[in-house]
Amino acid sequence: MKKNTVLCGANSYLQKYYLNEQFQRLPERVRQELQIMCVLFVEDVGGVLTLEFLEDGTLTLNVSKDDADYLFDEIGSELKIREIQREKAGLLQGLETYYKTVFLKQPFHEDEEAEETE
């Protein structure tokens, strides 16, 4: 069984941000945008946010919380995830394409990329 590949994450309990060293070659602007997005998310709703690639290259946003964290905003978390998916759709799609091309060695087809973002 293959594990998901973690791109990055932020933890409100440890007040830390993590970027997988395999993704250090991403442009600085993209790395900064990921950091800001993750840190603001956990500052707002709490818990732990990780961005992970599934085996097929799909990028998922996963949220977890400590069982004893009664201040975690579960509804706010779901709303914030949807907001990120809507507002950062281009970034998330670009990261999926990058992962599929560089890590999974799938051929890049620009016409398919345009269809998926429409």
N, C-alpha and C. Protein backbone atom coordinates (compact mmCIF):
# COMPACT_ATOMS: atom_id res chain seq x y z
N MET A 1 0.84 -1.19 0.00
CA MET A 1 0.00 0.00 0.00
C MET A 1 0.89 1.25 0.00
N LYS A 2 0.64 2.12 -0.94
CA LYS A 2 1.42 3.34 -1.08
C LYS A 2 0.81 4.44 -0.23
N LYS A 3 1.65 5.24 0.40
CA LYS A 3 1.19 6.34 1.23
C LYS A 3 1.04 7.61 0.40
N ASN A 4 0.22 8.51 0.90
CA ASN A 4 0.10 9.82 0.29
C ASN A 4 1.42 10.58 0.47
N THR A 5 1.67 11.52 -0.44
CA THR A 5 2.85 12.37 -0.34
C THR A 5 2.43 13.72 0.21
N VAL A 6 2.96 14.09 1.35
CA VAL A 6 2.63 15.37 1.97
C VAL A 6 3.40 16.47 1.25
N LEU A 7 2.68 17.49 0.83
CA LEU A 7 3.29 18.67 0.21
C LEU A 7 3.73 19.63 1.31
N CYS A 8 2.77 19.99 2.17
CA CYS A 8 3.06 20.93 3.24
C CYS A 8 1.97 20.84 4.30
N GLY A 9 2.17 21.53 5.40
CA GLY A 9 1.17 21.54 6.44
C GLY A 9 1.49 22.57 7.51
N ALA A 10 0.49 22.84 8.32
CA ALA A 10 0.65 23.75 9.44
C ALA A 10 -0.07 23.16 10.65
N ASN A 11 0.51 23.38 11.82
CA ASN A 11 0.00 22.80 13.05
C ASN A 11 -0.21 23.93 14.06
N SER A 12 -1.48 24.13 14.47
CA SER A 12 -1.76 25.22 15.41
C SER A 12 -1.29 24.88 16.82
N TYR A 13 -1.17 23.61 17.15
CA TYR A 13 -0.76 23.20 18.49
C TYR A 13 0.74 23.44 18.70
N LEU A 14 1.53 23.16 17.69
CA LEU A 14 2.98 23.35 17.78
C LEU A 14 3.42 24.69 17.20
N GLN A 15 2.49 25.40 16.57
CA GLN A 15 2.75 26.66 15.88
C GLN A 15 3.92 26.51 14.92
N LYS A 16 3.78 25.50 14.03
CA LYS A 16 4.83 25.22 13.05
C LYS A 16 4.23 25.04 11.67
N TYR A 17 5.07 25.34 10.68
CA TYR A 17 4.75 25.10 9.28
C TYR A 17 5.79 24.14 8.74
N TYR A 18 5.35 23.25 7.85
CA TYR A 18 6.26 22.26 7.27
C TYR A 18 6.08 22.24 5.76
N LEU A 19 7.20 22.25 5.04
CA LEU A 19 7.20 22.05 3.59
C LEU A 19 8.10 20.87 3.31
N ASN A 20 7.56 19.86 2.63
CA ASN A 20 8.32 18.67 2.27
C ASN A 20 9.53 19.10 1.43
N GLU A 21 10.71 18.65 1.83
CA GLU A 21 11.93 19.07 1.12
C GLU A 21 11.95 18.65 -0.35
N GLN A 22 11.13 17.67 -0.73
CA GLN A 22 11.05 17.28 -2.14
C GLN A 22 10.49 18.40 -3.02
N PHE A 23 9.84 19.37 -2.39
CA PHE A 23 9.18 20.45 -3.13
C PHE A 23 9.92 21.78 -3.00
N GLN A 24 11.19 21.74 -2.60
CA GLN A 24 11.98 22.96 -2.47
C GLN A 24 12.22 23.65 -3.81
N ARG A 25 12.07 22.90 -4.90
CA ARG A 25 12.30 23.48 -6.23
C ARG A 25 11.09 24.25 -6.75
N LEU A 26 9.99 24.25 -6.02
CA LEU A 26 8.86 25.09 -6.42
C LEU A 26 9.30 26.54 -6.36
N PRO A 27 8.71 27.39 -7.20
CA PRO A 27 9.07 28.82 -7.14
C PRO A 27 8.83 29.40 -5.75
N GLU A 28 9.67 30.33 -5.36
CA GLU A 28 9.57 30.97 -4.04
C GLU A 28 8.17 31.54 -3.79
N ARG A 29 7.60 32.17 -4.80
CA ARG A 29 6.26 32.75 -4.66
C ARG A 29 5.22 31.69 -4.30
N VAL A 30 5.31 30.52 -4.92
CA VAL A 30 4.38 29.42 -4.65
C VAL A 30 4.60 28.90 -3.23
N ARG A 31 5.84 28.73 -2.83
CA ARG A 31 6.14 28.25 -1.47
C ARG A 31 5.61 29.24 -0.43
N GLN A 32 5.77 30.53 -0.69
CA GLN A 32 5.27 31.55 0.23
C GLN A 32 3.74 31.53 0.31
N GLU A 33 3.10 31.38 -0.86
CA GLU A 33 1.64 31.35 -0.89
C GLU A 33 1.10 30.14 -0.12
N LEU A 34 1.76 28.99 -0.26
CA LEU A 34 1.36 27.80 0.49
C LEU A 34 1.51 28.03 1.99
N GLN A 35 2.62 28.63 2.38
CA GLN A 35 2.85 28.88 3.80
C GLN A 35 1.80 29.82 4.37
N ILE A 36 1.54 30.90 3.68
CA ILE A 36 0.54 31.86 4.14
C ILE A 36 -0.83 31.20 4.24
N MET A 37 -1.20 30.45 3.21
CA MET A 37 -2.50 29.78 3.19
C MET A 37 -2.66 28.81 4.37
N CYS A 38 -1.65 27.99 4.61
CA CYS A 38 -1.73 27.00 5.69
C CYS A 38 -1.73 27.65 7.07
N VAL A 39 -0.84 28.61 7.27
CA VAL A 39 -0.74 29.25 8.58
C VAL A 39 -2.01 30.04 8.90
N LEU A 40 -2.52 30.77 7.93
CA LEU A 40 -3.77 31.51 8.17
C LEU A 40 -4.93 30.58 8.48
N PHE A 41 -4.96 29.42 7.81
CA PHE A 41 -6.02 28.45 8.07
C PHE A 41 -6.01 28.00 9.53
N VAL A 42 -4.85 27.54 10.01
CA VAL A 42 -4.80 27.02 11.39
C VAL A 42 -4.92 28.13 12.42
N GLU A 43 -4.50 29.35 12.07
CA GLU A 43 -4.69 30.49 12.98
C GLU A 43 -6.18 30.79 13.13
N ASP A 44 -6.92 30.61 12.05
CA ASP A 44 -8.35 30.94 12.02
C ASP A 44 -9.20 29.87 12.71
N VAL A 45 -8.99 28.60 12.36
CA VAL A 45 -9.88 27.54 12.87
C VAL A 45 -9.22 26.56 13.81
N GLY A 46 -7.89 26.56 13.86
CA GLY A 46 -7.17 25.64 14.75
C GLY A 46 -6.87 24.33 14.05
N GLY A 47 -6.36 23.38 14.82
CA GLY A 47 -6.08 22.05 14.30
C GLY A 47 -4.82 21.97 13.47
N VAL A 48 -4.80 20.97 12.60
CA VAL A 48 -3.66 20.71 11.73
C VAL A 48 -4.18 20.60 10.30
N LEU A 49 -3.56 21.32 9.38
CA LEU A 49 -3.91 21.25 7.97
C LEU A 49 -2.73 20.68 7.22
N THR A 50 -2.98 19.66 6.39
CA THR A 50 -1.94 19.13 5.51
C THR A 50 -2.48 19.09 4.09
N LEU A 51 -1.61 19.41 3.15
CA LEU A 51 -1.92 19.26 1.73
C LEU A 51 -1.17 18.02 1.27
N GLU A 52 -1.91 17.04 0.74
CA GLU A 52 -1.32 15.76 0.38
C GLU A 52 -1.72 15.36 -1.02
N PHE A 53 -0.79 14.72 -1.70
CA PHE A 53 -1.06 14.15 -3.01
C PHE A 53 -1.43 12.69 -2.85
N LEU A 54 -2.54 12.28 -3.45
CA LEU A 54 -2.93 10.87 -3.47
C LEU A 54 -2.09 10.15 -4.53
N GLU A 55 -2.20 8.84 -4.60
CA GLU A 55 -1.42 8.05 -5.56
C GLU A 55 -1.62 8.51 -6.99
N ASP A 56 -2.84 8.95 -7.33
CA ASP A 56 -3.13 9.36 -8.70
C ASP A 56 -2.74 10.81 -8.99
N GLY A 57 -2.21 11.51 -7.98
CA GLY A 57 -1.77 12.89 -8.17
C GLY A 57 -2.78 13.93 -7.76
N THR A 58 -3.93 13.51 -7.27
CA THR A 58 -4.94 14.45 -6.79
C THR A 58 -4.47 15.09 -5.50
N LEU A 59 -4.60 16.40 -5.40
CA LEU A 59 -4.20 17.13 -4.21
C LEU A 59 -5.39 17.25 -3.27
N THR A 60 -5.20 16.84 -2.02
CA THR A 60 -6.27 16.93 -1.03
C THR A 60 -5.85 17.83 0.12
N LEU A 61 -6.81 18.45 0.74
CA LEU A 61 -6.59 19.27 1.92
C LEU A 61 -7.19 18.51 3.09
N ASN A 62 -6.35 18.10 4.02
CA ASN A 62 -6.81 17.30 5.16
C ASN A 62 -6.69 18.09 6.45
N VAL A 63 -7.74 18.01 7.25
CA VAL A 63 -7.76 18.71 8.53
C VAL A 63 -7.93 17.67 9.63
N SER A 64 -7.15 17.82 10.67
CA SER A 64 -7.31 16.97 11.85
C SER A 64 -7.23 17.85 13.09
N LYS A 65 -7.68 17.28 14.19
CA LYS A 65 -7.65 18.04 15.45
C LYS A 65 -7.33 17.10 16.59
N ASP A 66 -6.86 17.67 17.65
CA ASP A 66 -6.61 16.93 18.88
C ASP A 66 -7.96 16.61 19.50
N ASP A 67 -8.12 15.40 20.01
CA ASP A 67 -9.40 15.00 20.61
C ASP A 67 -9.80 15.91 21.77
N ALA A 68 -8.85 16.48 22.46
CA ALA A 68 -9.14 17.34 23.60
C ALA A 68 -9.33 18.81 23.20
N ASP A 69 -9.29 19.11 21.92
CA ASP A 69 -9.43 20.49 21.46
C ASP A 69 -10.90 20.84 21.27
N TYR A 70 -11.48 21.39 22.30
CA TYR A 70 -12.90 21.74 22.25
C TYR A 70 -13.14 23.10 21.61
N LEU A 71 -12.08 23.82 21.32
CA LEU A 71 -12.19 25.13 20.68
C LEU A 71 -12.09 25.04 19.16
N PHE A 72 -11.78 23.85 18.64
CA PHE A 72 -11.64 23.67 17.19
C PHE A 72 -12.97 23.99 16.52
N ASP A 73 -12.92 24.79 15.46
CA ASP A 73 -14.11 25.23 14.73
C ASP A 73 -14.36 24.31 13.54
N GLU A 74 -15.15 23.25 13.76
CA GLU A 74 -15.37 22.25 12.71
C GLU A 74 -16.13 22.83 11.51
N ILE A 75 -17.15 23.61 11.77
CA ILE A 75 -17.92 24.22 10.68
C ILE A 75 -17.06 25.24 9.94
N GLY A 76 -16.35 26.06 10.69
CA GLY A 76 -15.47 27.04 10.08
C GLY A 76 -14.38 26.38 9.25
N SER A 77 -13.93 25.22 9.70
CA SER A 77 -12.92 24.47 8.97
C SER A 77 -13.43 24.04 7.60
N GLU A 78 -14.61 23.48 7.56
CA GLU A 78 -15.19 23.04 6.28
C GLU A 78 -15.43 24.22 5.35
N LEU A 79 -15.91 25.33 5.90
CA LEU A 79 -16.15 26.52 5.08
C LEU A 79 -14.84 27.09 4.55
N LYS A 80 -13.81 27.09 5.37
CA LYS A 80 -12.50 27.61 4.96
C LYS A 80 -11.87 26.74 3.88
N ILE A 81 -12.04 25.41 3.99
CA ILE A 81 -11.53 24.51 2.95
C ILE A 81 -12.19 24.81 1.61
N ARG A 82 -13.51 24.96 1.62
CA ARG A 82 -14.23 25.29 0.38
C ARG A 82 -13.77 26.63 -0.19
N GLU A 83 -13.54 27.59 0.68
CA GLU A 83 -13.07 28.91 0.25
C GLU A 83 -11.69 28.80 -0.41
N ILE A 84 -10.81 28.04 0.20
CA ILE A 84 -9.47 27.83 -0.37
C ILE A 84 -9.58 27.15 -1.72
N GLN A 85 -10.40 26.11 -1.81
CA GLN A 85 -10.55 25.38 -3.07
C GLN A 85 -11.10 26.28 -4.16
N ARG A 86 -11.95 27.21 -3.81
CA ARG A 86 -12.54 28.12 -4.79
C ARG A 86 -11.54 29.23 -5.16
N GLU A 87 -10.97 29.89 -4.16
CA GLU A 87 -10.10 31.03 -4.41
C GLU A 87 -8.71 30.66 -4.92
N LYS A 88 -8.25 29.48 -4.58
CA LYS A 88 -6.90 29.05 -4.96
C LYS A 88 -6.95 27.91 -5.98
N ALA A 89 -8.03 27.81 -6.73
CA ALA A 89 -8.21 26.71 -7.69
C ALA A 89 -7.06 26.63 -8.68
N GLY A 90 -6.62 27.76 -9.19
CA GLY A 90 -5.51 27.77 -10.15
C GLY A 90 -4.22 27.25 -9.54
N LEU A 91 -3.92 27.68 -8.32
CA LEU A 91 -2.72 27.22 -7.63
C LEU A 91 -2.79 25.72 -7.37
N LEU A 92 -3.91 25.26 -6.86
CA LEU A 92 -4.06 23.84 -6.54
C LEU A 92 -3.98 22.97 -7.79
N GLN A 93 -4.60 23.42 -8.88
CA GLN A 93 -4.55 22.68 -10.14
C GLN A 93 -3.12 22.66 -10.69
N GLY A 94 -2.44 23.78 -10.58
CA GLY A 94 -1.05 23.84 -11.04
C GLY A 94 -0.14 22.91 -10.25
N LEU A 95 -0.38 22.82 -8.95
CA LEU A 95 0.41 21.90 -8.11
C LEU A 95 0.15 20.44 -8.48
N GLU A 96 -1.12 20.13 -8.78
CA GLU A 96 -1.44 18.76 -9.23
C GLU A 96 -0.71 18.44 -10.53
N THR A 97 -0.74 19.38 -11.47
CA THR A 97 -0.06 19.17 -12.75
C THR A 97 1.44 19.00 -12.54
N TYR A 98 2.01 19.83 -11.69
CA TYR A 98 3.44 19.74 -11.37
C TYR A 98 3.77 18.36 -10.80
N TYR A 99 2.99 17.91 -9.85
CA TYR A 99 3.24 16.62 -9.21
C TYR A 99 3.11 15.47 -10.20
N LYS A 100 2.06 15.50 -11.00
CA LYS A 100 1.84 14.44 -11.99
C LYS A 100 2.96 14.40 -13.02
N THR A 101 3.44 15.57 -13.43
CA THR A 101 4.48 15.64 -14.45
C THR A 101 5.86 15.29 -13.89
N VAL A 102 6.23 15.88 -12.77
CA VAL A 102 7.58 15.72 -12.23
C VAL A 102 7.74 14.43 -11.44
N PHE A 103 6.77 14.09 -10.60
CA PHE A 103 6.92 12.94 -9.70
C PHE A 103 6.33 11.65 -10.27
N LEU A 104 5.17 11.77 -10.93
CA LEU A 104 4.54 10.57 -11.50
C LEU A 104 4.95 10.33 -12.94
N LYS A 105 5.69 11.27 -13.50
CA LYS A 105 6.22 11.16 -14.87
C LYS A 105 5.12 10.99 -15.93
N GLN A 106 3.97 11.60 -15.67
CA GLN A 106 2.89 11.58 -16.65
C GLN A 106 3.15 12.68 -17.67
N PRO A 107 2.83 12.43 -18.93
CA PRO A 107 3.04 13.47 -19.94
C PRO A 107 2.09 14.65 -19.70
N PHE A 108 2.60 15.83 -19.96
CA PHE A 108 1.80 17.05 -19.81
C PHE A 108 1.10 17.37 -21.11
N HIS A 109 -0.21 17.55 -21.03
CA HIS A 109 -1.02 17.91 -22.20
C HIS A 109 -1.71 19.23 -21.89
N GLU A 110 -1.24 20.29 -22.52
CA GLU A 110 -1.75 21.62 -22.24
C GLU A 110 -3.24 21.75 -22.51
N ASP A 111 -3.76 21.07 -23.53
CA ASP A 111 -5.18 21.14 -23.86
C ASP A 111 -6.03 20.51 -22.76
N GLU A 112 -5.57 19.45 -22.11
CA GLU A 112 -6.30 18.83 -21.01
C GLU A 112 -6.31 19.74 -19.80
N GLU A 113 -5.19 20.41 -19.56
CA GLU A 113 -5.07 21.36 -18.44
C GLU A 113 -6.10 22.47 -18.59
N ALA A 114 -6.25 22.99 -19.80
CA ALA A 114 -7.21 24.08 -20.05
C ALA A 114 -8.65 23.59 -19.82
N GLU A 115 -8.97 22.36 -20.21
CA GLU A 115 -10.31 21.83 -20.02
C GLU A 115 -10.63 21.65 -18.56
N GLU A 116 -9.66 21.21 -17.75
CA GLU A 116 -9.91 20.95 -16.33
C GLU A 116 -10.16 22.23 -15.55
N THR A 117 -9.57 23.34 -15.95
CA THR A 117 -9.73 24.58 -15.22
C THR A 117 -10.98 25.37 -15.63
N GLU A 118 -11.65 24.95 -16.68
CA GLU A 118 -12.85 25.67 -17.13
C GLU A 118 -14.05 25.29 -16.32
